[in-house]
Amino acid sequence: MVVGLLVLAYPFTVGARPDVSCRGQVMQPGQACPKADGTSSQTYEERARDARNAKPVIAGVGLLLTGFGAVLFLGDRRRGSDEPARHA
């Protein structure tokens, strides 16, 4: 559940920064980021759009992970309470 909550928080914390970067360098509108092998490049606008579109996907994955963790946790708690008390 903790991992899911961290993933869910990412788009609203670290991922919410408006900076668009190319290999660690902040880009400005109109700039392009070439691939390392030089085959193509991606514009500032394309990189900003991709980052914006990824946020709901990341949040959805975080929700799924949190839900999965909660189901496992509750199942484990329920199974633990169903076991008979052991006497030594």
PDB file of N, CA and C in Angstrom:
ATOM      1  N   MET A   1       0.820  -1.181   0.000  1.00  0.00           N
ATOM      2  CA  MET A   1       0.000   0.000   0.000  1.00  0.00           C
ATOM      3  C   MET A   1       0.869   1.251   0.000  1.00  0.00           C
ATOM      4  N   VAL A   2       1.981   1.192   0.733  1.00  0.00           N
ATOM      5  CA  VAL A   2       2.863   2.359   0.827  1.00  0.00           C
ATOM      6  C   VAL A   2       3.442   2.710  -0.544  1.00  0.00           C
ATOM      7  N   VAL A   3       3.869   1.707  -1.280  1.00  0.00           N
ATOM      8  CA  VAL A   3       4.425   1.952  -2.615  1.00  0.00           C
ATOM      9  C   VAL A   3       3.353   2.571  -3.513  1.00  0.00           C
ATOM     10  N   GLY A   4       2.149   2.069  -3.446  1.00  0.00           N
ATOM     11  CA  GLY A   4       1.049   2.623  -4.230  1.00  0.00           C
ATOM     12  C   GLY A   4       0.782   4.071  -3.881  1.00  0.00           C
ATOM     13  N   LEU A   5       0.813   4.396  -2.590  1.00  0.00           N
ATOM     14  CA  LEU A   5       0.599   5.782  -2.171  1.00  0.00           C
ATOM     15  C   LEU A   5       1.723   6.694  -2.654  1.00  0.00           C
ATOM     16  N   LEU A   6       2.949   6.189  -2.633  1.00  0.00           N
ATOM     17  CA  LEU A   6       4.073   6.991  -3.136  1.00  0.00           C
ATOM     18  C   LEU A   6       3.945   7.238  -4.633  1.00  0.00           C
ATOM     19  N   VAL A   7       3.582   6.196  -5.382  1.00  0.00           N
ATOM     20  CA  VAL A   7       3.388   6.350  -6.828  1.00  0.00           C
ATOM     21  C   VAL A   7       2.235   7.310  -7.086  1.00  0.00           C
ATOM     22  N   LEU A   8       1.167   7.205  -6.323  1.00  0.00           N
ATOM     23  CA  LEU A   8       0.015   8.084  -6.471  1.00  0.00           C
ATOM     24  C   LEU A   8       0.390   9.536  -6.172  1.00  0.00           C
ATOM     25  N   ALA A   9       1.257   9.761  -5.216  1.00  0.00           N
ATOM     26  CA  ALA A   9       1.651  11.123  -4.838  1.00  0.00           C
ATOM     27  C   ALA A   9       2.602  11.766  -5.851  1.00  0.00           C
ATOM     28  N   TYR A  10       3.334  10.969  -6.612  1.00  0.00           N
ATOM     29  CA  TYR A  10       4.348  11.496  -7.532  1.00  0.00           C
ATOM     30  C   TYR A  10       3.820  12.571  -8.484  1.00  0.00           C
ATOM     31  N   PRO A  11       2.714  12.354  -9.210  1.00  0.00           N
ATOM     32  CA  PRO A  11       2.269  13.384 -10.161  1.00  0.00           C
ATOM     33  C   PRO A  11       1.877  14.708  -9.497  1.00  0.00           C
ATOM     34  N   PHE A  12       1.577  14.677  -8.214  1.00  0.00           N
ATOM     35  CA  PHE A  12       1.148  15.883  -7.511  1.00  0.00           C
ATOM     36  C   PHE A  12       2.285  16.549  -6.740  1.00  0.00           C
ATOM     37  N   THR A  13       3.439  15.905  -6.684  1.00  0.00           N
ATOM     38  CA  THR A  13       4.580  16.470  -5.950  1.00  0.00           C
ATOM     39  C   THR A  13       5.733  16.702  -6.920  1.00  0.00           C
ATOM     40  N   VAL A  14       6.631  15.763  -7.020  1.00  0.00           N
ATOM     41  CA  VAL A  14       7.807  15.889  -7.891  1.00  0.00           C
ATOM     42  C   VAL A  14       7.392  16.007  -9.351  1.00  0.00           C
ATOM     43  N   GLY A  15       6.417  15.244  -9.776  1.00  0.00           N
ATOM     44  CA  GLY A  15       5.974  15.259 -11.165  1.00  0.00           C
ATOM     45  C   GLY A  15       5.182  16.494 -11.544  1.00  0.00           C
ATOM     46  N   ALA A  16       4.843  17.346 -10.587  1.00  0.00           N
ATOM     47  CA  ALA A  16       4.062  18.544 -10.864  1.00  0.00           C
ATOM     48  C   ALA A  16       4.929  19.723 -11.297  1.00  0.00           C
ATOM     49  N   ARG A  17       6.239  19.555 -11.282  1.00  0.00           N
ATOM     50  CA  ARG A  17       7.128  20.645 -11.696  1.00  0.00           C
ATOM     51  C   ARG A  17       6.857  20.994 -13.157  1.00  0.00           C
ATOM     52  N   PRO A  18       6.810  22.270 -13.475  1.00  0.00           N
ATOM     53  CA  PRO A  18       6.521  22.667 -14.853  1.00  0.00           C
ATOM     54  C   PRO A  18       7.731  22.589 -15.786  1.00  0.00           C
ATOM     55  N   ASP A  19       8.915  22.323 -15.249  1.00  0.00           N
ATOM     56  CA  ASP A  19      10.123  22.280 -16.074  1.00  0.00           C
ATOM     57  C   ASP A  19      10.090  21.108 -17.048  1.00  0.00           C
ATOM     58  N   VAL A  20      10.471  21.384 -18.284  1.00  0.00           N
ATOM     59  CA  VAL A  20      10.645  20.346 -19.297  1.00  0.00           C
ATOM     60  C   VAL A  20      12.137  20.257 -19.525  1.00  0.00           C
ATOM     61  N   SER A  21      12.675  19.050 -19.437  1.00  0.00           N
ATOM     62  CA  SER A  21      14.131  18.927 -19.549  1.00  0.00           C
ATOM     63  C   SER A  21      14.536  17.924 -20.624  1.00  0.00           C
ATOM     64  N   CYS A  22      15.768  18.087 -21.044  1.00  0.00           N
ATOM     65  CA  CYS A  22      16.383  17.194 -22.012  1.00  0.00           C
ATOM     66  C   CYS A  22      17.739  16.798 -21.451  1.00  0.00           C
ATOM     67  N   ARG A  23      17.851  15.559 -21.024  1.00  0.00           N
ATOM     68  CA  ARG A  23      19.079  15.044 -20.430  1.00  0.00           C
ATOM     69  C   ARG A  23      19.633  15.974 -19.338  1.00  0.00           C
ATOM     70  N   GLY A  24      18.733  16.409 -18.451  1.00  0.00           N
ATOM     71  CA  GLY A  24      19.135  17.216 -17.307  1.00  0.00           C
ATOM     72  C   GLY A  24      19.177  18.710 -17.555  1.00  0.00           C
ATOM     73  N   GLN A  25      18.998  19.155 -18.779  1.00  0.00           N
ATOM     74  CA  GLN A  25      19.003  20.576 -19.108  1.00  0.00           C
ATOM     75  C   GLN A  25      17.561  21.059 -19.298  1.00  0.00           C
ATOM     76  N   VAL A  26      17.216  22.160 -18.636  1.00  0.00           N
ATOM     77  CA  VAL A  26      15.872  22.710 -18.764  1.00  0.00           C
ATOM     78  C   VAL A  26      15.705  23.270 -20.171  1.00  0.00           C
ATOM     79  N   MET A  27      14.584  22.889 -20.796  1.00  0.00           N
ATOM     80  CA  MET A  27      14.295  23.344 -22.154  1.00  0.00           C
ATOM     81  C   MET A  27      13.373  24.562 -22.125  1.00  0.00           C
ATOM     82  N   GLN A  28      13.393  25.322 -23.201  1.00  0.00           N
ATOM     83  CA  GLN A  28      12.517  26.475 -23.397  1.00  0.00           C
ATOM     84  C   GLN A  28      11.624  26.189 -24.604  1.00  0.00           C
ATOM     85  N   PRO A  29      10.455  26.835 -24.676  1.00  0.00           N
ATOM     86  CA  PRO A  29       9.590  26.648 -25.847  1.00  0.00           C
ATOM     87  C   PRO A  29      10.348  26.908 -27.143  1.00  0.00           C
ATOM     88  N   GLY A  30      10.116  26.033 -28.116  1.00  0.00           N
ATOM     89  CA  GLY A  30      10.777  26.159 -29.410  1.00  0.00           C
ATOM     90  C   GLY A  30      12.040  25.329 -29.544  1.00  0.00           C
ATOM     91  N   GLN A  31      12.572  24.831 -28.434  1.00  0.00           N
ATOM     92  CA  GLN A  31      13.782  24.006 -28.486  1.00  0.00           C
ATOM     93  C   GLN A  31      13.422  22.561 -28.805  1.00  0.00           C
ATOM     94  N   ALA A  32      14.435  21.818 -29.258  1.00  0.00           N
ATOM     95  CA  ALA A  32      14.268  20.399 -29.556  1.00  0.00           C
ATOM     96  C   ALA A  32      15.299  19.602 -28.778  1.00  0.00           C
ATOM     97  N   CYS A  33      14.944  18.368 -28.461  1.00  0.00           N
ATOM     98  CA  CYS A  33      15.829  17.459 -27.746  1.00  0.00           C
ATOM     99  C   CYS A  33      16.156  16.289 -28.673  1.00  0.00           C
ATOM    100  N   PRO A  34      17.380  16.281 -29.229  1.00  0.00           N
ATOM    101  CA  PRO A  34      17.725  15.187 -30.136  1.00  0.00           C
ATOM    102  C   PRO A  34      18.005  13.901 -29.360  1.00  0.00           C
ATOM    103  N   LYS A  35      17.701  12.780 -30.011  1.00  0.00           N
ATOM    104  CA  LYS A  35      18.052  11.484 -29.427  1.00  0.00           C
ATOM    105  C   LYS A  35      19.564  11.368 -29.383  1.00  0.00           C
ATOM    106  N   ALA A  36      20.055  10.528 -28.492  1.00  0.00           N
ATOM    107  CA  ALA A  36      21.498  10.360 -28.338  1.00  0.00           C
ATOM    108  C   ALA A  36      22.148   9.854 -29.620  1.00  0.00           C
ATOM    109  N   ASP A  37      21.428   9.016 -30.381  1.00  0.00           N
ATOM    110  CA  ASP A  37      22.002   8.485 -31.622  1.00  0.00           C
ATOM    111  C   ASP A  37      21.779   9.420 -32.806  1.00  0.00           C
ATOM    112  N   GLY A  38      21.055  10.542 -32.588  1.00  0.00           N
ATOM    113  CA  GLY A  38      20.854  11.533 -33.629  1.00  0.00           C
ATOM    114  C   GLY A  38      19.811  11.177 -34.669  1.00  0.00           C
ATOM    115  N   THR A  39      19.033  10.121 -34.461  1.00  0.00           N
ATOM    116  CA  THR A  39      18.062   9.694 -35.471  1.00  0.00           C
ATOM    117  C   THR A  39      16.846  10.603 -35.543  1.00  0.00           C
ATOM    118  N   SER A  40      16.417  11.187 -34.443  1.00  0.00           N
ATOM    119  CA  SER A  40      15.267  12.087 -34.442  1.00  0.00           C
ATOM    120  C   SER A  40      15.346  12.976 -33.216  1.00  0.00           C
ATOM    121  N   SER A  41      14.368  13.864 -33.078  1.00  0.00           N
ATOM    122  CA  SER A  41      14.334  14.724 -31.901  1.00  0.00           C
ATOM    123  C   SER A  41      12.892  14.936 -31.483  1.00  0.00           C
ATOM    124  N   GLN A  42      12.743  15.472 -30.286  1.00  0.00           N
ATOM    125  CA  GLN A  42      11.426  15.737 -29.729  1.00  0.00           C
ATOM    126  C   GLN A  42      11.406  17.207 -29.315  1.00  0.00           C
ATOM    127  N   THR A  43      10.359  17.932 -29.688  1.00  0.00           N
ATOM    128  CA  THR A  43      10.279  19.353 -29.361  1.00  0.00           C
ATOM    129  C   THR A  43       9.872  19.550 -27.904  1.00  0.00           C
ATOM    130  N   TYR A  44      10.064  20.771 -27.439  1.00  0.00           N
ATOM    131  CA  TYR A  44       9.645  21.155 -26.097  1.00  0.00           C
ATOM    132  C   TYR A  44       8.159  20.847 -25.912  1.00  0.00           C
ATOM    133  N   GLU A  45       7.369  21.242 -26.898  1.00  0.00           N
ATOM    134  CA  GLU A  45       5.929  21.054 -26.816  1.00  0.00           C
ATOM    135  C   GLU A  45       5.550  19.575 -26.741  1.00  0.00           C
ATOM    136  N   GLU A  46       6.235  18.731 -27.503  1.00  0.00           N
ATOM    137  CA  GLU A  46       5.967  17.286 -27.464  1.00  0.00           C
ATOM    138  C   GLU A  46       6.334  16.697 -26.110  1.00  0.00           C
ATOM    139  N   ARG A  47       7.472  17.123 -25.572  1.00  0.00           N
ATOM    140  CA  ARG A  47       7.897  16.603 -24.269  1.00  0.00           C
ATOM    141  C   ARG A  47       6.960  17.070 -23.162  1.00  0.00           C
ATOM    142  N   ALA A  48       6.503  18.329 -23.236  1.00  0.00           N
ATOM    143  CA  ALA A  48       5.568  18.850 -22.238  1.00  0.00           C
ATOM    144  C   ALA A  48       4.236  18.105 -22.322  1.00  0.00           C
ATOM    145  N   ARG A  49       3.748  17.847 -23.536  1.00  0.00           N
ATOM    146  CA  ARG A  49       2.502  17.108 -23.732  1.00  0.00           C
ATOM    147  C   ARG A  49       2.615  15.688 -23.176  1.00  0.00           C
ATOM    148  N   ASP A  50       3.735  15.023 -23.470  1.00  0.00           N
ATOM    149  CA  ASP A  50       3.927  13.657 -22.984  1.00  0.00           C
ATOM    150  C   ASP A  50       3.956  13.610 -21.457  1.00  0.00           C
ATOM    151  N   ALA A  51       4.614  14.582 -20.845  1.00  0.00           N
ATOM    152  CA  ALA A  51       4.672  14.630 -19.375  1.00  0.00           C
ATOM    153  C   ALA A  51       3.284  14.869 -18.798  1.00  0.00           C
ATOM    154  N   ARG A  52       2.528  15.761 -19.419  1.00  0.00           N
ATOM    155  CA  ARG A  52       1.167  16.061 -18.977  1.00  0.00           C
ATOM    156  C   ARG A  52       0.266  14.837 -19.117  1.00  0.00           C
ATOM    157  N   ASN A  53       0.394  14.112 -20.225  1.00  0.00           N
ATOM    158  CA  ASN A  53      -0.438  12.934 -20.463  1.00  0.00           C
ATOM    159  C   ASN A  53      -0.066  11.756 -19.571  1.00  0.00           C
ATOM    160  N   ALA A  54       1.155  11.720 -19.075  1.00  0.00           N
ATOM    161  CA  ALA A  54       1.593  10.611 -18.231  1.00  0.00           C
ATOM    162  C   ALA A  54       1.058  10.717 -16.807  1.00  0.00           C
ATOM    163  N   LYS A  55       0.733  11.916 -16.354  1.00  0.00           N
ATOM    164  CA  LYS A  55       0.299  12.102 -14.959  1.00  0.00           C
ATOM    165  C   LYS A  55      -0.931  11.281 -14.591  1.00  0.00           C
ATOM    166  N   PRO A  56      -2.006  11.290 -15.390  1.00  0.00           N
ATOM    167  CA  PRO A  56      -3.160  10.469 -14.996  1.00  0.00           C
ATOM    168  C   PRO A  56      -2.860   8.970 -15.034  1.00  0.00           C
ATOM    169  N   VAL A  57      -1.988   8.551 -15.926  1.00  0.00           N
ATOM    170  CA  VAL A  57      -1.620   7.135 -16.004  1.00  0.00           C
ATOM    171  C   VAL A  57      -0.857   6.735 -14.742  1.00  0.00           C
ATOM    172  N   ILE A  58       0.089   7.566 -14.335  1.00  0.00           N
ATOM    173  CA  ILE A  58       0.865   7.284 -13.123  1.00  0.00           C
ATOM    174  C   ILE A  58      -0.048   7.264 -11.902  1.00  0.00           C
ATOM    175  N   ALA A  59      -0.976   8.226 -11.822  1.00  0.00           N
ATOM    176  CA  ALA A  59      -1.919   8.255 -10.695  1.00  0.00           C
ATOM    177  C   ALA A  59      -2.800   7.001 -10.694  1.00  0.00           C
ATOM    178  N   GLY A  60      -3.235   6.561 -11.866  1.00  0.00           N
ATOM    179  CA  GLY A  60      -4.048   5.343 -11.956  1.00  0.00           C
ATOM    180  C   GLY A  60      -3.292   4.114 -11.497  1.00  0.00           C
ATOM    181  N   VAL A  61      -2.034   4.009 -11.888  1.00  0.00           N
ATOM    182  CA  VAL A  61      -1.201   2.883 -11.437  1.00  0.00           C
ATOM    183  C   VAL A  61      -1.040   2.935  -9.920  1.00  0.00           C
ATOM    184  N   GLY A  62      -0.845   4.130  -9.380  1.00  0.00           N
ATOM    185  CA  GLY A  62      -0.741   4.278  -7.927  1.00  0.00           C
ATOM    186  C   GLY A  62      -2.005   3.834  -7.215  1.00  0.00           C
ATOM    187  N   LEU A  63      -3.157   4.201  -7.770  1.00  0.00           N
ATOM    188  CA  LEU A  63      -4.430   3.764  -7.182  1.00  0.00           C
ATOM    189  C   LEU A  63      -4.581   2.245  -7.226  1.00  0.00           C
ATOM    190  N   LEU A  64      -4.212   1.655  -8.358  1.00  0.00           N
ATOM    191  CA  LEU A  64      -4.291   0.193  -8.470  1.00  0.00           C
ATOM    192  C   LEU A  64      -3.368  -0.497  -7.469  1.00  0.00           C
ATOM    193  N   LEU A  65      -2.142   0.002  -7.351  1.00  0.00           N
ATOM    194  CA  LEU A  65      -1.203  -0.594  -6.391  1.00  0.00           C
ATOM    195  C   LEU A  65      -1.704  -0.449  -4.960  1.00  0.00           C
ATOM    196  N   THR A  66      -2.244   0.724  -4.640  1.00  0.00           N
ATOM    197  CA  THR A  66      -2.776   0.943  -3.297  1.00  0.00           C
ATOM    198  C   THR A  66      -3.948   0.011  -3.027  1.00  0.00           C
ATOM    199  N   GLY A  67      -4.847  -0.119  -3.992  1.00  0.00           N
ATOM    200  CA  GLY A  67      -5.983  -1.027  -3.831  1.00  0.00           C
ATOM    201  C   GLY A  67      -5.547  -2.471  -3.687  1.00  0.00           C
ATOM    202  N   PHE A  68      -4.583  -2.886  -4.508  1.00  0.00           N
ATOM    203  CA  PHE A  68      -4.074  -4.255  -4.425  1.00  0.00           C
ATOM    204  C   PHE A  68      -3.445  -4.509  -3.057  1.00  0.00           C
ATOM    205  N   GLY A  69      -2.652  -3.556  -2.586  1.00  0.00           N
ATOM    206  CA  GLY A  69      -2.040  -3.693  -1.265  1.00  0.00           C
ATOM    207  C   GLY A  69      -3.086  -3.753  -0.160  1.00  0.00           C
ATOM    208  N   ALA A  70      -4.146  -2.947  -0.295  1.00  0.00           N
ATOM    209  CA  ALA A  70      -5.206  -2.950   0.714  1.00  0.00           C
ATOM    210  C   ALA A  70      -5.936  -4.289   0.736  1.00  0.00           C
ATOM    211  N   VAL A  71      -6.204  -4.850  -0.441  1.00  0.00           N
ATOM    212  CA  VAL A  71      -6.865  -6.151  -0.512  1.00  0.00           C
ATOM    213  C   VAL A  71      -5.997  -7.220   0.138  1.00  0.00           C
ATOM    214  N   LEU A  72      -4.697  -7.207  -0.166  1.00  0.00           N
ATOM    215  CA  LEU A  72      -3.798  -8.192   0.453  1.00  0.00           C
ATOM    216  C   LEU A  72      -3.732  -8.003   1.969  1.00  0.00           C
ATOM    217  N   PHE A  73      -3.648  -6.765   2.405  1.00  0.00           N
ATOM    218  CA  PHE A  73      -3.569  -6.473   3.837  1.00  0.00           C
ATOM    219  C   PHE A  73      -4.829  -6.928   4.553  1.00  0.00           C
ATOM    220  N   LEU A  74      -5.987  -6.559   4.002  1.00  0.00           N
ATOM    221  CA  LEU A  74      -7.243  -6.946   4.648  1.00  0.00           C
ATOM    222  C   LEU A  74      -7.448  -8.459   4.620  1.00  0.00           C
ATOM    223  N   GLY A  75      -7.055  -9.105   3.538  1.00  0.00           N
ATOM    224  CA  GLY A  75      -7.150 -10.565   3.477  1.00  0.00           C
ATOM    225  C   GLY A  75      -6.273 -11.228   4.513  1.00  0.00           C
ATOM    226  N   ASP A  76      -5.082 -10.684   4.701  1.00  0.00           N
ATOM    227  CA  ASP A  76      -4.169 -11.236   5.699  1.00  0.00           C
ATOM    228  C   ASP A  76      -4.718 -11.016   7.110  1.00  0.00           C
ATOM    229  N   ARG A  77      -5.263  -9.846   7.365  1.00  0.00           N
ATOM    230  CA  ARG A  77      -5.836  -9.560   8.687  1.00  0.00           C
ATOM    231  C   ARG A  77      -7.035 -10.459   8.965  1.00  0.00           C
ATOM    232  N   ARG A  78      -7.871 -10.640   7.944  1.00  0.00           N
ATOM    233  CA  ARG A  78      -9.061 -11.475   8.108  1.00  0.00           C
ATOM    234  C   ARG A  78      -8.660 -12.929   8.348  1.00  0.00           C
ATOM    235  N   ARG A  79      -7.681 -13.413   7.594  1.00  0.00           N
ATOM    236  CA  ARG A  79      -7.235 -14.796   7.753  1.00  0.00           C
ATOM    237  C   ARG A  79      -6.591 -14.985   9.119  1.00  0.00           C
ATOM    238  N   GLY A  80      -5.867 -13.977   9.596  1.00  0.00           N
ATOM    239  CA  GLY A  80      -5.241 -14.066  10.923  1.00  0.00           C
ATOM    240  C   GLY A  80      -6.251 -14.137  12.029  1.00  0.00           C
ATOM    241  N   SER A  81      -7.383 -13.471  11.897  1.00  0.00           N
ATOM    242  CA  SER A  81      -8.408 -13.504  12.952  1.00  0.00           C
ATOM    243  C   SER A  81      -9.237 -14.785  12.908  1.00  0.00           C
ATOM    244  N   ASP A  82      -9.239 -15.482  11.759  1.00  0.00           N
ATOM    245  CA  ASP A  82      -9.983 -16.731  11.636  1.00  0.00           C
ATOM    246  C   ASP A  82      -9.245 -17.921  12.213  1.00  0.00           C
ATOM    247  N   GLU A  83      -7.930 -17.801  12.354  1.00  0.00           N
ATOM    248  CA  GLU A  83      -7.140 -18.931  12.879  1.00  0.00           C
ATOM    249  C   GLU A  83      -7.463 -19.122  14.369  1.00  0.00           C
ATOM    250  N   PRO A  84      -7.597 -20.381  14.784  1.00  0.00           N
ATOM    251  CA  PRO A  84      -7.865 -20.630  16.209  1.00  0.00           C
ATOM    252  C   PRO A  84      -6.639 -20.278  17.053  1.00  0.00           C
ATOM    253  N   ALA A  85      -6.882 -19.882  18.261  1.00  0.00           N
ATOM    254  CA  ALA A  85      -5.788 -19.542  19.174  1.00  0.00           C
ATOM    255  C   ALA A  85      -4.974 -20.796  19.483  1.00  0.00           C
ATOM    256  N   ARG A  86      -3.693 -20.684  19.446  1.00  0.00           N
ATOM    257  CA  ARG A  86      -2.814 -21.829  19.723  1.00  0.00           C
ATOM    258  C   ARG A  86      -2.403 -21.785  21.188  1.00  0.00           C
ATOM    259  N   HIS A  87      -2.523 -22.932  21.830  1.00  0.00           N
ATOM    260  CA  HIS A  87      -2.113 -23.031  23.230  1.00  0.00           C
ATOM    261  C   HIS A  87      -0.882 -23.901  23.307  1.00  0.00           C
ATOM    262  N   ALA A  88       0.062 -23.480  24.098  1.00  0.00           N
ATOM    263  CA  ALA A  88       1.313 -24.231  24.240  1.00  0.00           C
ATOM    264  C   ALA A  88       1.183 -25.347  25.219  1.00  0.00           C
TER     265      ALA A  88
END
